[in-house]
Amino acid sequence: MIVKKEVEIGGRLFSIETGRYAKQANGSVMVGYGDTMVLVTAVASTESKPDQDFFPLQVEYREKTSAAGKFPGGYIKREGRPSEKEILSARLCDRPIRPLFPEAFLNETQVIAMVFSYDGENDPDVLAACGASAALVVSDIPFDGPMGEVRVGRIGGEFIVNPTQEQIKLSDIELVVAGYCRFNYDG
């Protein structure tokens, strides 16, 4: 079943769609904001390894140059190891979701965020974090979410949610904030 939810944030349409892509993953979502699209998948093994005393969570974030309409040429034909921005963006996904897994859950878990399209205005790293939470929520992986993440800028003393690249250049502050909400069901 394909489910798509949309909401307007900061004058642009934020959407999350599930049920269409990566059907073999435990959970997958396509997150969009403006014309930037990020596919996020979450998978986990069915059982943990014996004598394992840590939670092996791997979060990977990749921005292929083809997402922005560019293709590597010349000597470099392929994309290599993750860039510094990709590593930091993966950490922006990892740090907020890691404490939301149960302590007893030690199964190998992998969350992969791949930028499908980049419009040059809306940074996909915050979308990847929101998508990681959504992919884990729709999966059968134990997760105590949901979690959300937002970039905030300030221009002329006024705060702007998810500023564009041009607005970030004009901004005197840039923050990325993540948070979650615990639900209490009493009925």
N, C-alpha and C. Protein backbone atom coordinates (compact mmCIF):
# COMPACT_ATOMS: atom_id res chain seq x y z
N MET A 1 0.84 -1.17 0.00
CA MET A 1 0.00 0.00 0.00
C MET A 1 0.90 1.25 0.00
N ILE A 2 0.64 2.14 -0.93
CA ILE A 2 1.40 3.37 -1.05
C ILE A 2 0.72 4.46 -0.22
N VAL A 3 1.50 5.07 0.68
CA VAL A 3 0.97 6.14 1.52
C VAL A 3 1.88 7.36 1.33
N LYS A 4 1.25 8.52 1.08
CA LYS A 4 2.01 9.76 0.92
C LYS A 4 1.36 10.84 1.76
N LYS A 5 2.17 11.51 2.57
CA LYS A 5 1.71 12.62 3.42
C LYS A 5 2.50 13.86 3.05
N GLU A 6 1.80 14.99 2.99
CA GLU A 6 2.44 16.26 2.65
C GLU A 6 2.03 17.34 3.63
N VAL A 7 2.96 18.26 3.87
CA VAL A 7 2.70 19.42 4.73
C VAL A 7 3.57 20.57 4.23
N GLU A 8 3.08 21.78 4.36
CA GLU A 8 3.86 22.94 3.95
C GLU A 8 4.69 23.43 5.13
N ILE A 9 6.00 23.55 4.90
CA ILE A 9 6.93 24.04 5.92
C ILE A 9 7.81 25.09 5.27
N GLY A 10 7.81 26.27 5.83
CA GLY A 10 8.66 27.34 5.31
C GLY A 10 8.33 27.74 3.88
N GLY A 11 7.08 27.61 3.48
CA GLY A 11 6.66 28.00 2.14
C GLY A 11 6.93 26.97 1.07
N ARG A 12 7.46 25.80 1.45
CA ARG A 12 7.71 24.72 0.48
C ARG A 12 7.04 23.45 0.96
N LEU A 13 6.78 22.54 0.04
CA LEU A 13 6.06 21.31 0.36
C LEU A 13 7.03 20.23 0.85
N PHE A 14 6.77 19.72 2.05
CA PHE A 14 7.54 18.61 2.62
C PHE A 14 6.68 17.36 2.49
N SER A 15 7.23 16.29 1.88
CA SER A 15 6.43 15.08 1.68
C SER A 15 7.21 13.84 2.10
N ILE A 16 6.47 12.85 2.59
CA ILE A 16 7.02 11.54 2.92
C ILE A 16 6.13 10.51 2.26
N GLU A 17 6.75 9.60 1.49
CA GLU A 17 6.01 8.56 0.79
C GLU A 17 6.62 7.20 1.12
N THR A 18 5.78 6.22 1.36
CA THR A 18 6.25 4.87 1.64
C THR A 18 5.42 3.87 0.86
N GLY A 19 5.98 2.68 0.66
CA GLY A 19 5.26 1.60 -0.01
C GLY A 19 5.56 1.49 -1.49
N ARG A 20 6.36 2.37 -2.05
CA ARG A 20 6.64 2.34 -3.49
C ARG A 20 8.06 1.87 -3.79
N TYR A 21 9.02 2.25 -2.95
CA TYR A 21 10.43 1.99 -3.22
C TYR A 21 11.01 1.02 -2.20
N ALA A 22 12.05 0.29 -2.60
CA ALA A 22 12.83 -0.58 -1.72
C ALA A 22 11.94 -1.49 -0.89
N LYS A 23 11.14 -2.28 -1.55
CA LYS A 23 10.14 -3.11 -0.85
C LYS A 23 10.77 -4.26 -0.06
N GLN A 24 12.02 -4.61 -0.34
CA GLN A 24 12.64 -5.69 0.42
C GLN A 24 13.26 -5.22 1.73
N ALA A 25 13.36 -3.93 1.90
CA ALA A 25 13.88 -3.39 3.16
C ALA A 25 12.81 -3.51 4.24
N ASN A 26 13.23 -3.50 5.50
CA ASN A 26 12.27 -3.52 6.60
C ASN A 26 11.39 -2.27 6.57
N GLY A 27 11.97 -1.15 6.19
CA GLY A 27 11.21 0.09 6.06
C GLY A 27 11.92 1.02 5.09
N SER A 28 11.15 1.72 4.27
CA SER A 28 11.75 2.66 3.32
C SER A 28 10.78 3.81 3.07
N VAL A 29 11.34 5.00 2.89
CA VAL A 29 10.54 6.18 2.58
C VAL A 29 11.30 7.04 1.58
N MET A 30 10.53 7.78 0.79
CA MET A 30 11.09 8.81 -0.08
C MET A 30 10.64 10.14 0.51
N VAL A 31 11.60 10.96 0.89
CA VAL A 31 11.31 12.25 1.52
C VAL A 31 11.63 13.35 0.51
N GLY A 32 10.72 14.29 0.38
CA GLY A 32 10.93 15.38 -0.55
C GLY A 32 10.69 16.73 0.10
N TYR A 33 11.46 17.72 -0.32
CA TYR A 33 11.26 19.09 0.14
C TYR A 33 11.66 19.98 -1.02
N GLY A 34 10.70 20.71 -1.58
CA GLY A 34 10.94 21.41 -2.82
C GLY A 34 11.15 20.36 -3.89
N ASP A 35 12.25 20.48 -4.63
CA ASP A 35 12.58 19.46 -5.64
C ASP A 35 13.73 18.57 -5.20
N THR A 36 14.08 18.59 -3.93
CA THR A 36 15.10 17.70 -3.38
C THR A 36 14.41 16.44 -2.88
N MET A 37 14.93 15.27 -3.27
CA MET A 37 14.34 13.98 -2.90
C MET A 37 15.43 13.08 -2.32
N VAL A 38 15.11 12.40 -1.20
CA VAL A 38 16.04 11.49 -0.54
C VAL A 38 15.33 10.18 -0.26
N LEU A 39 15.91 9.07 -0.71
CA LEU A 39 15.40 7.73 -0.40
C LEU A 39 16.13 7.22 0.83
N VAL A 40 15.38 6.83 1.85
CA VAL A 40 15.98 6.31 3.08
C VAL A 40 15.43 4.91 3.34
N THR A 41 16.33 3.95 3.54
CA THR A 41 15.94 2.58 3.83
C THR A 41 16.51 2.15 5.18
N ALA A 42 15.80 1.26 5.85
CA ALA A 42 16.25 0.72 7.13
C ALA A 42 16.10 -0.79 7.09
N VAL A 43 17.16 -1.51 7.45
CA VAL A 43 17.12 -2.97 7.52
C VAL A 43 17.80 -3.41 8.81
N ALA A 44 17.39 -4.56 9.31
CA ALA A 44 17.99 -5.12 10.52
C ALA A 44 17.99 -6.64 10.42
N SER A 45 19.00 -7.25 11.02
CA SER A 45 19.04 -8.70 11.06
C SER A 45 17.97 -9.21 12.02
N THR A 46 17.59 -10.47 11.85
CA THR A 46 16.51 -11.02 12.67
C THR A 46 16.96 -11.38 14.08
N GLU A 47 18.26 -11.57 14.27
CA GLU A 47 18.76 -11.89 15.61
C GLU A 47 20.17 -11.33 15.79
N SER A 48 20.57 -11.14 17.03
CA SER A 48 21.90 -10.60 17.30
C SER A 48 22.92 -11.73 17.35
N LYS A 49 24.18 -11.36 17.21
CA LYS A 49 25.26 -12.34 17.27
C LYS A 49 25.49 -12.74 18.72
N PRO A 50 25.88 -13.97 18.97
CA PRO A 50 26.14 -14.39 20.35
C PRO A 50 27.32 -13.60 20.96
N ASP A 51 27.24 -13.35 22.24
CA ASP A 51 28.28 -12.64 23.01
C ASP A 51 28.53 -11.22 22.50
N GLN A 52 27.54 -10.62 21.89
CA GLN A 52 27.68 -9.24 21.42
C GLN A 52 27.12 -8.31 22.49
N ASP A 53 27.90 -7.31 22.89
CA ASP A 53 27.47 -6.44 23.97
C ASP A 53 27.33 -4.97 23.54
N PHE A 54 27.20 -4.73 22.23
CA PHE A 54 27.02 -3.37 21.73
C PHE A 54 25.99 -3.37 20.62
N PHE A 55 25.49 -2.21 20.29
CA PHE A 55 24.47 -2.07 19.24
C PHE A 55 25.16 -1.67 17.93
N PRO A 56 25.23 -2.57 16.95
CA PRO A 56 25.90 -2.26 15.68
C PRO A 56 24.97 -1.52 14.71
N LEU A 57 24.87 -0.22 14.88
CA LEU A 57 24.06 0.62 13.98
C LEU A 57 24.99 1.29 12.98
N GLN A 58 24.69 1.12 11.70
CA GLN A 58 25.46 1.76 10.65
C GLN A 58 24.54 2.72 9.90
N VAL A 59 24.90 3.98 9.86
CA VAL A 59 24.14 4.98 9.12
C VAL A 59 25.01 5.50 8.01
N GLU A 60 24.51 5.42 6.79
CA GLU A 60 25.26 5.88 5.63
C GLU A 60 24.45 6.92 4.87
N TYR A 61 25.10 7.99 4.48
CA TYR A 61 24.47 9.08 3.72
C TYR A 61 25.31 9.30 2.48
N ARG A 62 24.70 9.24 1.30
CA ARG A 62 25.44 9.43 0.05
C ARG A 62 24.76 10.44 -0.84
N GLU A 63 25.56 11.37 -1.35
CA GLU A 63 25.12 12.34 -2.34
C GLU A 63 25.85 12.04 -3.64
N LYS A 64 25.20 11.38 -4.55
CA LYS A 64 25.81 11.14 -5.85
C LYS A 64 25.79 12.43 -6.65
N THR A 65 26.81 12.67 -7.44
CA THR A 65 26.83 13.89 -8.23
C THR A 65 25.71 13.91 -9.26
N SER A 66 25.25 12.75 -9.66
CA SER A 66 24.15 12.70 -10.64
C SER A 66 22.86 13.26 -10.07
N ALA A 67 22.72 13.31 -8.74
CA ALA A 67 21.52 13.88 -8.12
C ALA A 67 21.39 15.36 -8.43
N ALA A 68 22.50 16.02 -8.65
CA ALA A 68 22.47 17.45 -8.99
C ALA A 68 22.62 17.67 -10.49
N GLY A 69 22.57 16.59 -11.28
CA GLY A 69 22.67 16.70 -12.73
C GLY A 69 24.09 16.78 -13.24
N LYS A 70 25.06 16.36 -12.42
CA LYS A 70 26.47 16.40 -12.83
C LYS A 70 26.99 14.98 -12.90
N PHE A 71 27.89 14.73 -13.83
CA PHE A 71 28.47 13.40 -13.99
C PHE A 71 29.98 13.53 -14.02
N PRO A 72 30.69 12.72 -13.19
CA PRO A 72 32.15 12.83 -13.16
C PRO A 72 32.74 12.40 -14.50
N GLY A 73 33.74 13.12 -14.93
CA GLY A 73 34.40 12.80 -16.19
C GLY A 73 35.89 12.94 -16.03
N GLY A 74 36.58 12.84 -17.13
CA GLY A 74 38.04 12.94 -17.07
C GLY A 74 38.64 11.70 -16.44
N TYR A 75 39.64 11.92 -15.59
CA TYR A 75 40.34 10.80 -14.97
C TYR A 75 39.44 10.08 -13.96
N ILE A 76 38.67 10.84 -13.17
CA ILE A 76 37.82 10.23 -12.14
C ILE A 76 36.48 9.88 -12.78
N LYS A 77 36.23 8.59 -12.94
CA LYS A 77 35.00 8.13 -13.57
C LYS A 77 33.94 7.72 -12.54
N ARG A 78 34.38 7.37 -11.36
CA ARG A 78 33.44 6.91 -10.32
C ARG A 78 33.58 7.77 -9.09
N GLU A 79 32.57 7.67 -8.25
CA GLU A 79 32.63 8.40 -6.99
C GLU A 79 33.35 7.52 -5.97
N GLY A 80 34.19 8.13 -5.19
CA GLY A 80 35.01 7.38 -4.24
C GLY A 80 34.40 7.31 -2.86
N ARG A 81 35.25 7.44 -1.88
CA ARG A 81 34.82 7.36 -0.49
C ARG A 81 33.93 8.55 -0.16
N PRO A 82 33.16 8.45 0.94
CA PRO A 82 32.28 9.57 1.31
C PRO A 82 33.07 10.85 1.58
N SER A 83 32.49 11.96 1.17
CA SER A 83 33.12 13.25 1.42
C SER A 83 32.94 13.63 2.89
N GLU A 84 33.60 14.70 3.31
CA GLU A 84 33.47 15.15 4.69
C GLU A 84 32.03 15.54 5.00
N LYS A 85 31.36 16.20 4.04
CA LYS A 85 29.97 16.59 4.24
C LYS A 85 29.07 15.35 4.37
N GLU A 86 29.33 14.31 3.58
CA GLU A 86 28.54 13.08 3.68
C GLU A 86 28.74 12.41 5.03
N ILE A 87 29.95 12.40 5.53
CA ILE A 87 30.23 11.81 6.85
C ILE A 87 29.51 12.59 7.95
N LEU A 88 29.59 13.92 7.89
CA LEU A 88 28.92 14.74 8.91
C LEU A 88 27.39 14.63 8.80
N SER A 89 26.87 14.51 7.59
CA SER A 89 25.42 14.34 7.41
C SER A 89 24.96 12.99 7.95
N ALA A 90 25.78 11.96 7.79
CA ALA A 90 25.45 10.65 8.36
C ALA A 90 25.41 10.74 9.88
N ARG A 91 26.30 11.51 10.46
CA ARG A 91 26.29 11.70 11.92
C ARG A 91 25.06 12.49 12.38
N LEU A 92 24.60 13.44 11.54
CA LEU A 92 23.37 14.17 11.86
C LEU A 92 22.16 13.24 11.89
N CYS A 93 22.23 12.14 11.13
CA CYS A 93 21.16 11.12 11.18
C CYS A 93 21.36 10.18 12.37
N ASP A 94 22.59 9.75 12.56
CA ASP A 94 22.90 8.73 13.57
C ASP A 94 22.66 9.20 15.00
N ARG A 95 23.16 10.37 15.36
CA ARG A 95 23.13 10.80 16.76
C ARG A 95 21.72 10.94 17.33
N PRO A 96 20.74 11.47 16.60
CA PRO A 96 19.40 11.57 17.19
C PRO A 96 18.64 10.25 17.25
N ILE A 97 18.91 9.30 16.33
CA ILE A 97 18.12 8.06 16.34
C ILE A 97 18.72 6.98 17.24
N ARG A 98 20.03 7.02 17.47
CA ARG A 98 20.69 5.95 18.25
C ARG A 98 20.09 5.74 19.64
N PRO A 99 19.79 6.78 20.42
CA PRO A 99 19.23 6.52 21.76
C PRO A 99 17.77 6.08 21.75
N LEU A 100 17.13 6.07 20.58
CA LEU A 100 15.72 5.70 20.51
C LEU A 100 15.50 4.20 20.26
N PHE A 101 16.57 3.44 20.21
CA PHE A 101 16.45 1.98 20.10
C PHE A 101 16.45 1.39 21.51
N PRO A 102 15.70 0.31 21.74
CA PRO A 102 15.71 -0.32 23.07
C PRO A 102 17.11 -0.81 23.44
N GLU A 103 17.45 -0.74 24.72
CA GLU A 103 18.78 -1.17 25.17
C GLU A 103 19.05 -2.63 24.88
N ALA A 104 18.03 -3.46 24.92
CA ALA A 104 18.20 -4.90 24.71
C ALA A 104 18.32 -5.25 23.23
N PHE A 105 18.07 -4.33 22.34
CA PHE A 105 18.13 -4.59 20.90
C PHE A 105 19.56 -4.46 20.42
N LEU A 106 20.17 -5.60 20.06
CA LEU A 106 21.57 -5.63 19.64
C LEU A 106 21.73 -6.19 18.23
N ASN A 107 20.67 -6.23 17.45
CA ASN A 107 20.74 -6.76 16.09
C ASN A 107 21.44 -5.75 15.18
N GLU A 108 22.18 -6.28 14.20
CA GLU A 108 22.83 -5.39 13.23
C GLU A 108 21.75 -4.60 12.49
N THR A 109 21.89 -3.30 12.45
CA THR A 109 20.91 -2.42 11.82
C THR A 109 21.64 -1.46 10.91
N GLN A 110 21.04 -1.23 9.74
CA GLN A 110 21.65 -0.34 8.77
C GLN A 110 20.60 0.62 8.23
N VAL A 111 20.93 1.90 8.23
CA VAL A 111 20.07 2.94 7.67
C VAL A 111 20.88 3.62 6.57
N ILE A 112 20.32 3.64 5.36
CA ILE A 112 21.01 4.24 4.22
C ILE A 112 20.14 5.34 3.64
N ALA A 113 20.73 6.52 3.49
CA ALA A 113 20.04 7.66 2.88
C ALA A 113 20.78 8.00 1.60
N MET A 114 20.05 7.96 0.48
CA MET A 114 20.65 8.26 -0.81
C MET A 114 19.89 9.42 -1.46
N VAL A 115 20.61 10.46 -1.78
CA VAL A 115 20.00 11.63 -2.41
C VAL A 115 19.68 11.28 -3.86
N PHE A 116 18.40 11.36 -4.21
CA PHE A 116 17.96 11.06 -5.57
C PHE A 116 18.00 12.31 -6.44
N SER A 117 17.57 13.44 -5.89
CA SER A 117 17.64 14.68 -6.65
C SER A 117 17.91 15.83 -5.69
N TYR A 118 18.67 16.80 -6.19
CA TYR A 118 19.03 17.98 -5.39
C TYR A 118 18.75 19.20 -6.24
N ASP A 119 17.91 20.09 -5.73
CA ASP A 119 17.50 21.26 -6.50
C ASP A 119 18.42 22.47 -6.35
N GLY A 120 19.49 22.33 -5.57
CA GLY A 120 20.43 23.43 -5.38
C GLY A 120 20.00 24.43 -4.32
N GLU A 121 18.80 24.29 -3.77
CA GLU A 121 18.30 25.21 -2.76
C GLU A 121 18.13 24.55 -1.39
N ASN A 122 17.51 23.38 -1.36
CA ASN A 122 17.14 22.72 -0.11
C ASN A 122 18.15 21.61 0.21
N ASP A 123 18.86 21.78 1.32
CA ASP A 123 19.90 20.83 1.71
C ASP A 123 19.28 19.49 2.09
N PRO A 124 19.74 18.38 1.51
CA PRO A 124 19.12 17.08 1.77
C PRO A 124 19.49 16.42 3.09
N ASP A 125 20.47 16.94 3.85
CA ASP A 125 20.89 16.25 5.07
C ASP A 125 19.81 16.21 6.14
N VAL A 126 19.05 17.28 6.29
CA VAL A 126 17.97 17.29 7.28
C VAL A 126 16.84 16.35 6.83
N LEU A 127 16.60 16.28 5.52
CA LEU A 127 15.60 15.35 4.99
C LEU A 127 15.99 13.91 5.29
N ALA A 128 17.28 13.61 5.20
CA ALA A 128 17.75 12.26 5.46
C ALA A 128 17.47 11.84 6.91
N ALA A 129 17.67 12.74 7.84
CA ALA A 129 17.42 12.43 9.25
C ALA A 129 15.93 12.20 9.50
N CYS A 130 15.08 13.06 8.93
CA CYS A 130 13.63 12.86 9.08
C CYS A 130 13.21 11.55 8.41
N GLY A 131 13.82 11.26 7.26
CA GLY A 131 13.51 10.02 6.55
C GLY A 131 13.98 8.79 7.31
N ALA A 132 15.13 8.89 8.00
CA ALA A 132 15.62 7.76 8.80
C ALA A 132 14.61 7.42 9.89
N SER A 133 14.10 8.43 10.54
CA SER A 133 13.09 8.22 11.58
C SER A 133 11.83 7.59 10.98
N ALA A 134 11.37 8.14 9.86
CA ALA A 134 10.15 7.63 9.23
C ALA A 134 10.32 6.19 8.75
N ALA A 135 11.48 5.87 8.18
CA ALA A 135 11.73 4.50 7.70
C ALA A 135 11.74 3.51 8.86
N LEU A 136 12.30 3.93 10.00
CA LEU A 136 12.31 3.05 11.17
C LEU A 136 10.93 2.91 11.77
N VAL A 137 10.13 3.98 11.75
CA VAL A 137 8.77 3.91 12.30
C VAL A 137 7.88 2.97 11.49
N VAL A 138 7.99 3.01 10.15
CA VAL A 138 7.14 2.14 9.32
C VAL A 138 7.66 0.71 9.25
N SER A 139 8.86 0.47 9.75
CA SER A 139 9.43 -0.88 9.72
C SER A 139 8.99 -1.68 10.94
N ASP A 140 9.42 -2.94 10.97
CA ASP A 140 9.15 -3.79 12.12
C ASP A 140 10.34 -3.79 13.10
N ILE A 141 11.29 -2.90 12.88
CA ILE A 141 12.45 -2.76 13.76
C ILE A 141 12.01 -2.01 15.02
N PRO A 142 12.34 -2.51 16.22
CA PRO A 142 11.94 -1.79 17.43
C PRO A 142 12.60 -0.42 17.50
N PHE A 143 11.78 0.61 17.54
CA PHE A 143 12.27 1.99 17.52
C PHE A 143 11.30 2.83 18.32
N ASP A 144 11.83 3.66 19.19
CA ASP A 144 11.01 4.45 20.11
C ASP A 144 10.80 5.86 19.59
N GLY A 145 10.58 5.99 18.28
CA GLY A 145 10.43 7.30 17.64
C GLY A 145 8.99 7.70 17.57
N PRO A 146 8.63 8.65 16.77
CA PRO A 146 9.41 9.29 15.72
C PRO A 146 10.28 10.41 16.25
N MET A 147 11.17 10.87 15.37
CA MET A 147 12.09 11.94 15.67
C MET A 147 12.04 12.91 14.50
N GLY A 148 12.31 14.17 14.74
CA GLY A 148 12.34 15.15 13.66
C GLY A 148 13.60 15.99 13.74
N GLU A 149 13.98 16.56 12.60
CA GLU A 149 15.16 17.40 12.57
C GLU A 149 14.87 18.58 11.65
N VAL A 150 15.40 19.74 11.99
CA VAL A 150 15.15 20.95 11.23
C VAL A 150 16.39 21.84 11.27
N ARG A 151 16.61 22.55 10.18
CA ARG A 151 17.68 23.55 10.13
C ARG A 151 17.02 24.91 10.35
N VAL A 152 17.63 25.74 11.18
CA VAL A 152 17.08 27.05 11.48
C VAL A 152 18.15 28.10 11.18
N GLY A 153 17.74 29.14 10.47
CA GLY A 153 18.63 30.27 10.19
C GLY A 153 17.99 31.54 10.73
N ARG A 154 18.79 32.63 10.80
CA ARG A 154 18.26 33.89 11.29
C ARG A 154 18.75 35.01 10.38
N ILE A 155 17.79 35.71 9.78
CA ILE A 155 18.10 36.84 8.92
C ILE A 155 17.36 38.06 9.46
N GLY A 156 18.08 39.10 9.79
CA GLY A 156 17.47 40.32 10.31
C GLY A 156 16.71 40.11 11.60
N GLY A 157 17.19 39.22 12.45
CA GLY A 157 16.53 38.95 13.73
C GLY A 157 15.32 38.04 13.62
N GLU A 158 14.99 37.56 12.43
CA GLU A 158 13.83 36.69 12.23
C GLU A 158 14.30 35.27 11.90
N PHE A 159 13.73 34.29 12.61
CA PHE A 159 14.12 32.90 12.40
C PHE A 159 13.42 32.33 11.18
N ILE A 160 14.17 31.52 10.42
CA ILE A 160 13.66 30.91 9.20
C ILE A 160 13.86 29.40 9.32
N VAL A 161 12.79 28.64 9.08
CA VAL A 161 12.85 27.18 9.13
C VAL A 161 13.30 26.65 7.78
N ASN A 162 14.28 25.75 7.80
CA ASN A 162 14.85 25.15 6.59
C ASN A 162 15.18 26.20 5.54
N PRO A 163 16.13 27.09 5.83
CA PRO A 163 16.48 28.13 4.87
C PRO A 163 17.12 27.55 3.61
N THR A 164 16.97 28.24 2.49
CA THR A 164 17.61 27.83 1.24
C THR A 164 19.10 28.15 1.33
N GLN A 165 19.88 27.70 0.33
CA GLN A 165 21.32 27.96 0.33
C GLN A 165 21.60 29.46 0.31
N GLU A 166 20.82 30.23 -0.44
CA GLU A 166 21.00 31.68 -0.49
C GLU A 166 20.68 32.32 0.86
N GLN A 167 19.63 31.85 1.52
CA GLN A 167 19.28 32.39 2.83
C GLN A 167 20.33 32.05 3.89
N ILE A 168 20.95 30.88 3.77
CA ILE A 168 22.02 30.50 4.71
C ILE A 168 23.20 31.46 4.58
N LYS A 169 23.52 31.88 3.35
CA LYS A 169 24.63 32.82 3.14
C LYS A 169 24.35 34.17 3.81
N LEU A 170 23.07 34.56 3.84
CA LEU A 170 22.69 35.84 4.45
C LEU A 170 22.46 35.73 5.96
N SER A 171 22.35 34.51 6.46
CA SER A 171 22.00 34.27 7.85
C SER A 171 23.19 34.51 8.77
N ASP A 172 22.91 35.03 9.97
CA ASP A 172 23.98 35.21 10.95
C ASP A 172 24.06 34.04 11.93
N ILE A 173 23.15 33.09 11.79
CA ILE A 173 23.17 31.90 12.64
C ILE A 173 22.61 30.73 11.82
N GLU A 174 23.18 29.56 12.04
CA GLU A 174 22.67 28.34 11.40
C GLU A 174 22.72 27.21 12.41
N LEU A 175 21.56 26.67 12.75
CA LEU A 175 21.46 25.59 13.72
C LEU A 175 20.75 24.40 13.09
N VAL A 176 21.16 23.21 13.46
CA VAL A 176 20.41 22.01 13.12
C VAL A 176 19.96 21.41 14.45
N VAL A 177 18.64 21.30 14.60
CA VAL A 177 18.06 20.85 15.86
C VAL A 177 17.26 19.57 15.62
N ALA A 178 17.46 18.58 16.47
CA ALA A 178 16.71 17.34 16.39
C ALA A 178 15.99 17.11 17.71
N GLY A 179 14.83 16.49 17.64
CA GLY A 179 14.08 16.19 18.85
C GLY A 179 13.08 15.09 18.60
N TYR A 180 12.59 14.51 19.68
CA TYR A 180 11.59 13.46 19.56
C TYR A 180 10.51 13.68 20.60
N CYS A 181 9.42 12.98 20.42
CA CYS A 181 8.28 13.10 21.32
C CYS A 181 7.84 11.71 21.75
N ARG A 182 7.77 11.50 23.01
CA ARG A 182 7.25 10.21 23.51
C ARG A 182 5.73 10.32 23.63
N PHE A 183 5.07 9.30 23.15
CA PHE A 183 3.61 9.27 23.22
C PHE A 183 3.19 8.43 24.40
N ASN A 184 2.23 8.90 25.17
CA ASN A 184 1.64 8.12 26.26
C ASN A 184 0.23 7.73 25.88
N TYR A 185 0.02 6.46 25.72
CA TYR A 185 -1.32 5.97 25.37
C TYR A 185 -1.98 5.44 26.63
N ASP A 186 -2.92 6.18 27.14
CA ASP A 186 -3.61 5.76 28.37
C ASP A 186 -4.96 5.14 28.10
N GLY A 187 -5.36 5.00 26.88
CA GLY A 187 -6.69 4.48 26.61
C GLY A 187 -6.71 3.67 25.45
